[in-house]
């Protein structure tokens, strides 16, 4: 006997499902149901249980600040290393991050967001095994890119990745 189950998904995943449904010319609910069935069938075929939700940063200790946040009191080494990783992330995702405006590093929310994306990307590169994690990252970096592109400034104030500004180090 089949039963209906109602689930709630974050908006970015709903958009992915909608695109998949459009491509397959099927209702969203049918695509979602098939994905759930396929995953559950795979888990039962492998004799596995549902994977436990992974901690974001398994090596961080509760008394330490997360690695995407600058240590209390500031840390020039953290800033140098993070700047290099920021430039690398922008090189890897130039389209998604092209909306960053000159001086974005003076906004704590932008700094924390970009640094969190860096740490997330490193986790995926080092140990991800679930394609949903990758898709989620891709959706989040694209959404962040759209948000910063809507900020005032336009192309005349666009940031060009390069050496860190004097006020960063």
N, C-alpha and C. Protein backbone atom coordinates (compact mmCIF):
# COMPACT_ATOMS: atom_id res chain seq x y z
N UNK A 1 0.83 -1.17 0.00
CA UNK A 1 0.00 0.00 0.00
C UNK A 1 0.88 1.25 0.00
N UNK A 2 0.58 2.17 -0.86
CA UNK A 2 1.33 3.43 -0.93
C UNK A 2 0.71 4.45 0.01
N UNK A 3 1.56 5.30 0.57
CA UNK A 3 1.09 6.38 1.44
C UNK A 3 1.67 7.68 0.95
N UNK A 4 0.95 8.74 1.16
CA UNK A 4 1.45 10.08 0.84
C UNK A 4 2.23 10.58 2.03
N UNK A 5 3.35 11.22 1.75
CA UNK A 5 4.18 11.82 2.78
C UNK A 5 4.47 13.25 2.36
N UNK A 6 4.34 14.16 3.28
CA UNK A 6 4.62 15.56 2.96
C UNK A 6 5.98 15.92 3.55
N UNK A 7 6.84 16.52 2.73
CA UNK A 7 8.15 16.95 3.21
C UNK A 7 8.35 18.43 2.91
N UNK A 8 9.20 19.03 3.69
CA UNK A 8 9.54 20.43 3.49
C UNK A 8 11.00 20.50 3.09
N UNK A 9 11.28 21.27 2.03
CA UNK A 9 12.64 21.40 1.52
C UNK A 9 13.01 22.87 1.47
N UNK A 10 14.31 23.17 1.60
CA UNK A 10 14.73 24.55 1.41
C UNK A 10 14.50 25.00 -0.03
N UNK A 11 14.24 26.28 -0.20
CA UNK A 11 13.91 26.83 -1.50
C UNK A 11 14.92 26.47 -2.60
N UNK A 12 16.23 26.52 -2.33
CA UNK A 12 17.16 26.16 -3.41
C UNK A 12 16.96 24.72 -3.93
N UNK A 13 16.63 23.79 -3.03
CA UNK A 13 16.41 22.42 -3.47
C UNK A 13 15.10 22.30 -4.24
N UNK A 14 14.10 23.08 -3.85
CA UNK A 14 12.84 23.09 -4.60
C UNK A 14 13.10 23.55 -6.03
N UNK A 15 13.94 24.57 -6.18
CA UNK A 15 14.25 25.06 -7.53
C UNK A 15 14.95 23.97 -8.36
N UNK A 16 15.83 23.20 -7.72
CA UNK A 16 16.49 22.09 -8.42
C UNK A 16 15.44 21.08 -8.86
N UNK A 17 14.54 20.73 -7.96
CA UNK A 17 13.48 19.78 -8.31
C UNK A 17 12.61 20.31 -9.45
N UNK A 18 12.30 21.60 -9.40
CA UNK A 18 11.49 22.19 -10.46
C UNK A 18 12.19 22.11 -11.81
N UNK A 19 13.50 22.37 -11.81
CA UNK A 19 14.24 22.27 -13.07
C UNK A 19 14.26 20.83 -13.57
N UNK A 20 14.47 19.89 -12.65
CA UNK A 20 14.48 18.48 -13.04
C UNK A 20 13.12 18.07 -13.59
N UNK A 21 12.06 18.54 -12.94
CA UNK A 21 10.70 18.21 -13.39
C UNK A 21 10.42 18.80 -14.77
N UNK A 22 10.86 20.04 -14.98
CA UNK A 22 10.68 20.67 -16.30
C UNK A 22 11.40 19.88 -17.38
N UNK A 23 12.64 19.49 -17.08
CA UNK A 23 13.41 18.73 -18.07
C UNK A 23 12.79 17.38 -18.38
N UNK A 24 12.19 16.75 -17.37
CA UNK A 24 11.58 15.44 -17.56
C UNK A 24 10.11 15.54 -17.97
N UNK A 25 9.58 16.77 -17.99
CA UNK A 25 8.17 16.99 -18.28
C UNK A 25 7.28 16.14 -17.36
N UNK A 26 7.62 16.19 -16.07
CA UNK A 26 6.90 15.45 -15.03
C UNK A 26 6.56 16.41 -13.89
N UNK A 27 5.57 16.06 -13.08
CA UNK A 27 5.29 16.89 -11.89
C UNK A 27 6.44 16.84 -10.89
N UNK A 28 6.61 17.92 -10.16
CA UNK A 28 7.68 18.01 -9.16
C UNK A 28 7.56 16.89 -8.14
N UNK A 29 6.34 16.63 -7.69
CA UNK A 29 6.13 15.59 -6.66
C UNK A 29 6.58 14.22 -7.15
N UNK A 30 6.37 13.94 -8.42
CA UNK A 30 6.77 12.63 -8.96
C UNK A 30 8.30 12.50 -8.98
N UNK A 31 8.97 13.59 -9.37
CA UNK A 31 10.44 13.57 -9.39
C UNK A 31 10.98 13.42 -7.97
N UNK A 32 10.42 14.17 -7.02
CA UNK A 32 10.87 14.09 -5.63
C UNK A 32 10.64 12.69 -5.07
N UNK A 33 9.48 12.12 -5.35
CA UNK A 33 9.18 10.78 -4.85
C UNK A 33 10.16 9.75 -5.42
N UNK A 34 10.48 9.89 -6.71
CA UNK A 34 11.41 8.95 -7.33
C UNK A 34 12.81 9.06 -6.70
N UNK A 35 13.25 10.29 -6.44
CA UNK A 35 14.57 10.48 -5.81
C UNK A 35 14.60 9.85 -4.41
N UNK A 36 13.54 10.03 -3.64
CA UNK A 36 13.48 9.45 -2.30
C UNK A 36 13.48 7.92 -2.40
N UNK A 37 12.63 7.37 -3.29
CA UNK A 37 12.59 5.92 -3.46
C UNK A 37 13.94 5.36 -3.86
N UNK A 38 14.59 6.01 -4.83
CA UNK A 38 15.89 5.54 -5.30
C UNK A 38 16.92 5.52 -4.17
N UNK A 39 16.95 6.59 -3.38
CA UNK A 39 17.92 6.66 -2.28
C UNK A 39 17.63 5.59 -1.23
N UNK A 40 16.36 5.40 -0.87
CA UNK A 40 16.01 4.38 0.12
C UNK A 40 16.29 2.98 -0.41
N UNK A 41 16.00 2.75 -1.69
CA UNK A 41 16.32 1.44 -2.29
C UNK A 41 17.82 1.18 -2.25
N UNK A 42 18.61 2.20 -2.57
CA UNK A 42 20.07 2.05 -2.57
C UNK A 42 20.57 1.74 -1.16
N UNK A 43 20.06 2.45 -0.18
CA UNK A 43 20.48 2.21 1.20
C UNK A 43 20.12 0.81 1.66
N UNK A 44 18.92 0.35 1.34
CA UNK A 44 18.53 -0.99 1.78
C UNK A 44 19.29 -2.06 1.00
N UNK A 45 19.59 -1.82 -0.26
CA UNK A 45 20.36 -2.78 -1.06
C UNK A 45 21.77 -2.92 -0.52
N UNK A 46 22.33 -1.83 -0.04
CA UNK A 46 23.68 -1.85 0.51
C UNK A 46 23.71 -2.33 1.95
N UNK A 47 22.53 -2.53 2.55
CA UNK A 47 22.47 -2.94 3.95
C UNK A 47 22.88 -1.83 4.90
N UNK A 48 22.78 -0.60 4.44
CA UNK A 48 23.20 0.53 5.26
C UNK A 48 22.00 1.21 5.88
N UNK A 49 22.30 1.94 6.93
CA UNK A 49 21.31 2.81 7.54
C UNK A 49 21.50 4.20 6.96
N UNK A 50 20.55 5.05 7.20
CA UNK A 50 20.68 6.43 6.75
C UNK A 50 21.93 7.03 7.38
N UNK A 51 22.72 7.75 6.62
CA UNK A 51 23.94 8.33 7.18
C UNK A 51 23.59 9.39 8.22
N UNK A 52 24.37 9.40 9.29
CA UNK A 52 24.19 10.42 10.31
C UNK A 52 24.62 11.76 9.73
N UNK A 53 23.98 12.81 10.15
CA UNK A 53 24.35 14.14 9.67
C UNK A 53 25.74 14.47 10.18
N UNK A 54 26.61 14.83 9.27
CA UNK A 54 28.00 15.13 9.63
C UNK A 54 28.11 16.49 10.27
N UNK A 55 28.99 16.59 11.23
CA UNK A 55 29.30 17.91 11.77
C UNK A 55 30.01 18.71 10.70
N UNK A 56 29.77 20.00 10.70
CA UNK A 56 30.34 20.85 9.65
C UNK A 56 31.86 20.78 9.62
N UNK A 57 32.49 20.89 10.77
CA UNK A 57 33.95 20.86 10.83
C UNK A 57 34.34 19.86 11.92
N UNK A 58 34.56 18.59 11.56
CA UNK A 58 34.78 17.57 12.56
C UNK A 58 36.00 17.79 13.44
N UNK A 59 37.00 18.54 12.99
CA UNK A 59 38.20 18.69 13.78
C UNK A 59 38.18 19.93 14.68
N UNK A 60 37.11 20.71 14.63
CA UNK A 60 37.08 21.89 15.49
C UNK A 60 36.61 21.51 16.89
N UNK A 61 37.18 22.16 17.88
CA UNK A 61 36.81 21.91 19.26
C UNK A 61 35.83 22.97 19.70
N UNK A 62 34.89 22.63 20.61
CA UNK A 62 33.87 23.59 21.01
C UNK A 62 34.43 24.90 21.56
N UNK A 63 35.63 24.86 22.17
CA UNK A 63 36.18 26.08 22.76
C UNK A 63 36.83 26.99 21.71
N UNK A 64 37.03 26.51 20.50
CA UNK A 64 37.65 27.31 19.46
C UNK A 64 36.58 27.94 18.57
N UNK A 65 36.95 29.06 17.96
CA UNK A 65 36.05 29.65 16.97
C UNK A 65 36.09 28.80 15.71
N UNK A 66 35.00 28.78 15.00
CA UNK A 66 35.00 28.04 13.73
C UNK A 66 36.06 28.62 12.80
N UNK A 67 36.62 27.80 11.92
CA UNK A 67 37.73 28.26 11.08
C UNK A 67 37.36 29.34 10.08
N UNK A 68 36.09 29.54 9.80
CA UNK A 68 35.70 30.60 8.87
C UNK A 68 35.57 31.95 9.57
N UNK A 69 35.73 31.97 10.90
CA UNK A 69 35.70 33.22 11.66
C UNK A 69 37.10 33.56 12.12
N UNK A 70 37.45 34.82 12.00
CA UNK A 70 38.77 35.26 12.45
C UNK A 70 38.88 35.07 13.95
N UNK A 71 40.01 34.57 14.43
CA UNK A 71 40.18 34.41 15.88
C UNK A 71 39.98 35.74 16.60
N UNK A 72 39.48 35.64 17.83
CA UNK A 72 39.28 36.84 18.64
C UNK A 72 40.59 37.62 18.74
N UNK A 73 40.48 38.92 18.66
CA UNK A 73 41.66 39.76 18.76
C UNK A 73 42.39 39.94 17.46
N UNK A 74 41.94 39.26 16.41
CA UNK A 74 42.59 39.37 15.11
C UNK A 74 43.78 38.43 14.99
N UNK A 75 44.10 38.09 13.77
CA UNK A 75 45.21 37.18 13.52
C UNK A 75 45.72 37.41 12.10
N UNK A 76 46.86 38.09 11.96
CA UNK A 76 47.38 38.37 10.61
C UNK A 76 47.65 37.10 9.79
N UNK A 77 48.06 36.02 10.44
CA UNK A 77 48.29 34.77 9.70
C UNK A 77 46.99 34.21 9.15
N UNK A 78 45.91 34.25 9.95
CA UNK A 78 44.61 33.79 9.48
C UNK A 78 44.18 34.64 8.28
N UNK A 79 44.37 35.95 8.39
CA UNK A 79 43.96 36.86 7.32
C UNK A 79 44.75 36.60 6.04
N UNK A 80 46.06 36.38 6.15
CA UNK A 80 46.87 36.11 4.95
C UNK A 80 46.43 34.81 4.29
N UNK A 81 46.28 33.77 5.11
CA UNK A 81 45.87 32.48 4.55
C UNK A 81 44.48 32.57 3.94
N UNK A 82 43.56 33.20 4.66
CA UNK A 82 42.19 33.27 4.17
C UNK A 82 42.11 34.11 2.89
N UNK A 83 42.90 35.17 2.80
CA UNK A 83 42.86 35.99 1.58
C UNK A 83 43.28 35.16 0.37
N UNK A 84 44.32 34.37 0.53
CA UNK A 84 44.74 33.50 -0.57
C UNK A 84 43.64 32.54 -0.97
N UNK A 85 42.93 32.02 0.01
CA UNK A 85 41.84 31.09 -0.28
C UNK A 85 40.65 31.81 -0.89
N UNK A 86 40.43 33.07 -0.51
CA UNK A 86 39.36 33.87 -1.10
C UNK A 86 39.65 34.07 -2.59
N UNK A 87 40.88 34.45 -2.90
CA UNK A 87 41.25 34.66 -4.31
C UNK A 87 41.11 33.35 -5.08
N UNK A 88 41.51 32.23 -4.47
CA UNK A 88 41.38 30.94 -5.15
C UNK A 88 39.91 30.58 -5.38
N UNK A 89 39.05 30.85 -4.40
CA UNK A 89 37.62 30.56 -4.57
C UNK A 89 37.04 31.41 -5.70
N UNK A 90 37.44 32.67 -5.75
CA UNK A 90 36.96 33.55 -6.83
C UNK A 90 37.48 33.09 -8.18
N UNK A 91 38.68 32.53 -8.21
CA UNK A 91 39.20 31.98 -9.45
C UNK A 91 38.45 30.73 -9.89
N UNK A 92 38.00 29.96 -8.93
CA UNK A 92 37.26 28.74 -9.22
C UNK A 92 35.81 29.03 -9.60
N UNK A 93 35.24 30.09 -9.01
CA UNK A 93 33.84 30.45 -9.26
C UNK A 93 33.73 31.92 -9.68
N UNK A 94 34.36 32.30 -10.79
CA UNK A 94 34.36 33.71 -11.18
C UNK A 94 32.97 34.25 -11.54
N UNK A 95 32.15 33.43 -12.13
CA UNK A 95 30.81 33.89 -12.53
C UNK A 95 29.95 34.12 -11.29
N UNK A 96 29.98 33.18 -10.37
CA UNK A 96 29.14 33.29 -9.18
C UNK A 96 29.57 34.45 -8.28
N UNK A 97 30.86 34.77 -8.25
CA UNK A 97 31.36 35.78 -7.32
C UNK A 97 31.73 37.10 -7.99
N UNK A 98 31.36 37.27 -9.25
CA UNK A 98 31.72 38.50 -9.96
C UNK A 98 31.01 39.73 -9.40
N UNK A 99 29.96 39.57 -8.62
CA UNK A 99 29.22 40.70 -8.07
C UNK A 99 29.84 41.31 -6.83
N UNK A 100 30.92 40.72 -6.31
CA UNK A 100 31.56 41.31 -5.13
C UNK A 100 32.09 42.70 -5.48
N UNK A 101 31.77 43.65 -4.64
CA UNK A 101 32.17 45.04 -4.86
C UNK A 101 33.48 45.34 -4.12
N UNK A 102 34.21 46.28 -4.66
CA UNK A 102 35.45 46.72 -4.01
C UNK A 102 35.12 47.14 -2.57
N UNK A 103 35.88 46.64 -1.62
CA UNK A 103 35.66 46.94 -0.21
C UNK A 103 34.72 45.97 0.49
N UNK A 104 34.33 44.88 -0.19
CA UNK A 104 33.41 43.92 0.42
C UNK A 104 33.96 43.37 1.74
N UNK A 105 35.29 43.33 1.89
CA UNK A 105 35.93 42.77 3.08
C UNK A 105 35.72 43.65 4.32
N UNK A 106 35.16 44.83 4.14
CA UNK A 106 34.84 45.69 5.28
C UNK A 106 33.47 45.39 5.87
N UNK A 107 32.74 44.49 5.25
CA UNK A 107 31.43 44.07 5.74
C UNK A 107 31.59 42.68 6.38
N UNK A 108 31.44 42.63 7.69
CA UNK A 108 31.66 41.37 8.42
C UNK A 108 30.78 40.24 7.88
N UNK A 109 29.56 40.55 7.50
CA UNK A 109 28.67 39.50 6.98
C UNK A 109 29.23 38.91 5.69
N UNK A 110 29.77 39.76 4.81
CA UNK A 110 30.36 39.26 3.57
C UNK A 110 31.59 38.41 3.86
N UNK A 111 32.44 38.90 4.75
CA UNK A 111 33.66 38.16 5.09
C UNK A 111 33.29 36.79 5.65
N UNK A 112 32.37 36.74 6.60
CA UNK A 112 31.99 35.46 7.19
C UNK A 112 31.36 34.54 6.16
N UNK A 113 30.55 35.09 5.28
CA UNK A 113 29.90 34.27 4.26
C UNK A 113 30.93 33.67 3.29
N UNK A 114 31.82 34.51 2.79
CA UNK A 114 32.83 34.02 1.85
C UNK A 114 33.75 33.01 2.53
N UNK A 115 34.16 33.29 3.75
CA UNK A 115 35.05 32.37 4.46
C UNK A 115 34.35 31.05 4.78
N UNK A 116 33.05 31.12 5.09
CA UNK A 116 32.29 29.88 5.32
C UNK A 116 32.19 29.07 4.02
N UNK A 117 32.01 29.75 2.90
CA UNK A 117 31.98 29.05 1.61
C UNK A 117 33.32 28.36 1.35
N UNK A 118 34.41 29.03 1.71
CA UNK A 118 35.75 28.43 1.54
C UNK A 118 35.87 27.15 2.36
N UNK A 119 35.49 27.22 3.62
CA UNK A 119 35.59 26.04 4.49
C UNK A 119 34.68 24.92 4.00
N UNK A 120 33.50 25.27 3.55
CA UNK A 120 32.56 24.27 3.01
C UNK A 120 33.16 23.61 1.78
N UNK A 121 33.74 24.43 0.88
CA UNK A 121 34.34 23.89 -0.34
C UNK A 121 35.47 22.92 0.01
N UNK A 122 36.28 23.28 1.03
CA UNK A 122 37.37 22.40 1.44
C UNK A 122 36.84 21.07 1.97
N UNK A 123 35.77 21.13 2.75
CA UNK A 123 35.17 19.88 3.24
C UNK A 123 34.70 19.01 2.08
N UNK A 124 34.06 19.62 1.11
CA UNK A 124 33.59 18.86 -0.04
C UNK A 124 34.75 18.25 -0.81
N UNK A 125 35.78 19.06 -1.04
CA UNK A 125 36.93 18.56 -1.79
C UNK A 125 37.65 17.43 -1.06
N UNK A 126 37.69 17.52 0.26
CA UNK A 126 38.45 16.55 1.05
C UNK A 126 37.68 15.29 1.40
N UNK A 127 36.36 15.39 1.61
CA UNK A 127 35.70 14.21 2.16
C UNK A 127 34.25 14.00 1.75
N UNK A 128 33.71 14.76 0.87
CA UNK A 128 32.30 14.59 0.52
C UNK A 128 32.07 13.30 -0.25
N UNK A 129 30.98 12.66 0.04
CA UNK A 129 30.62 11.42 -0.66
C UNK A 129 29.19 11.46 -1.18
N UNK A 130 28.49 12.55 -0.89
CA UNK A 130 27.09 12.66 -1.25
C UNK A 130 26.92 13.79 -2.26
N UNK A 131 26.42 13.51 -3.46
CA UNK A 131 26.28 14.57 -4.46
C UNK A 131 25.31 15.67 -4.03
N UNK A 132 24.42 15.37 -3.10
CA UNK A 132 23.50 16.40 -2.62
C UNK A 132 24.27 17.51 -1.92
N UNK A 133 25.36 17.15 -1.25
CA UNK A 133 26.19 18.16 -0.60
C UNK A 133 26.77 19.12 -1.65
N UNK A 134 27.24 18.56 -2.74
CA UNK A 134 27.80 19.39 -3.82
C UNK A 134 26.73 20.29 -4.42
N UNK A 135 25.57 19.72 -4.68
CA UNK A 135 24.49 20.51 -5.26
C UNK A 135 24.07 21.64 -4.32
N UNK A 136 24.04 21.35 -3.04
CA UNK A 136 23.68 22.37 -2.06
C UNK A 136 24.71 23.50 -2.07
N UNK A 137 25.98 23.15 -2.11
CA UNK A 137 27.03 24.17 -2.17
C UNK A 137 26.86 25.03 -3.42
N UNK A 138 26.66 24.38 -4.56
CA UNK A 138 26.51 25.12 -5.81
C UNK A 138 25.34 26.09 -5.76
N UNK A 139 24.23 25.64 -5.17
CA UNK A 139 23.07 26.53 -5.04
C UNK A 139 23.36 27.70 -4.12
N UNK A 140 24.05 27.43 -3.02
CA UNK A 140 24.34 28.50 -2.06
C UNK A 140 25.32 29.53 -2.62
N UNK A 141 26.35 29.10 -3.31
CA UNK A 141 27.31 30.08 -3.84
C UNK A 141 26.65 30.90 -4.95
N UNK A 142 25.79 30.27 -5.73
CA UNK A 142 25.08 31.01 -6.78
C UNK A 142 24.13 32.04 -6.17
N UNK A 143 23.42 31.66 -5.12
CA UNK A 143 22.50 32.58 -4.45
C UNK A 143 23.26 33.74 -3.81
N UNK A 144 24.39 33.44 -3.17
CA UNK A 144 25.20 34.52 -2.59
C UNK A 144 25.66 35.47 -3.70
N UNK A 145 26.07 34.91 -4.82
CA UNK A 145 26.49 35.74 -5.95
C UNK A 145 25.38 36.65 -6.44
N UNK A 146 24.16 36.12 -6.50
CA UNK A 146 23.02 36.95 -6.92
C UNK A 146 22.76 38.06 -5.90
N UNK A 147 22.89 37.74 -4.61
CA UNK A 147 22.65 38.75 -3.57
C UNK A 147 23.66 39.89 -3.67
N UNK A 148 24.95 39.56 -3.79
CA UNK A 148 25.94 40.64 -3.84
C UNK A 148 25.87 41.41 -5.15
N UNK A 149 25.41 40.77 -6.21
CA UNK A 149 25.28 41.47 -7.49
C UNK A 149 24.15 42.50 -7.43
N UNK A 150 23.18 42.31 -6.56
CA UNK A 150 22.07 43.26 -6.42
C UNK A 150 22.43 44.46 -5.56
N UNK A 151 23.57 44.42 -4.91
CA UNK A 151 23.97 45.54 -4.07
C UNK A 151 24.38 46.72 -4.94
N UNK A 152 24.23 47.94 -4.42
CA UNK A 152 24.62 49.11 -5.22
C UNK A 152 26.11 49.11 -5.51
N UNK A 153 26.48 49.72 -6.59
CA UNK A 153 27.90 49.83 -6.95
C UNK A 153 28.14 49.56 -8.41
N UNK A 154 27.47 48.54 -8.93
CA UNK A 154 27.60 48.23 -10.36
C UNK A 154 29.01 47.80 -10.75
N UNK A 155 29.23 47.73 -12.04
CA UNK A 155 30.50 47.24 -12.56
C UNK A 155 31.65 48.21 -12.30
N UNK A 156 31.34 49.48 -12.07
CA UNK A 156 32.41 50.45 -11.84
C UNK A 156 33.11 50.21 -10.51
N UNK A 157 32.42 49.58 -9.56
CA UNK A 157 33.02 49.29 -8.25
C UNK A 157 33.30 47.81 -8.06
N UNK A 158 33.30 47.04 -9.14
CA UNK A 158 33.54 45.61 -9.04
C UNK A 158 34.95 45.34 -8.50
N UNK A 159 35.03 44.33 -7.65
CA UNK A 159 36.31 43.94 -7.06
C UNK A 159 37.05 43.03 -8.01
N UNK A 160 38.34 43.26 -8.13
CA UNK A 160 39.20 42.38 -8.92
C UNK A 160 40.10 41.62 -7.95
N UNK A 161 39.99 40.29 -7.91
CA UNK A 161 40.84 39.53 -6.98
C UNK A 161 42.31 39.79 -7.24
N UNK A 162 43.05 39.87 -6.17
CA UNK A 162 44.48 40.12 -6.26
C UNK A 162 45.09 40.20 -4.88
N UNK A 163 46.14 40.95 -4.76
CA UNK A 163 46.83 41.10 -3.47
C UNK A 163 45.87 41.69 -2.44
N UNK A 164 46.06 41.33 -1.17
CA UNK A 164 45.16 41.85 -0.15
C UNK A 164 45.34 43.36 0.02
N UNK A 165 44.24 44.05 0.29
CA UNK A 165 44.34 45.49 0.52
C UNK A 165 45.05 45.77 1.83
N UNK A 166 45.59 46.97 1.95
CA UNK A 166 46.32 47.34 3.18
C UNK A 166 45.46 47.20 4.43
N UNK A 167 44.17 47.50 4.32
CA UNK A 167 43.32 47.43 5.50
C UNK A 167 42.90 46.01 5.86
N UNK A 168 43.29 45.03 5.07
CA UNK A 168 42.96 43.64 5.39
C UNK A 168 44.03 43.00 6.27
N UNK A 169 45.29 43.20 5.91
CA UNK A 169 46.39 42.55 6.64
C UNK A 169 46.82 43.40 7.82
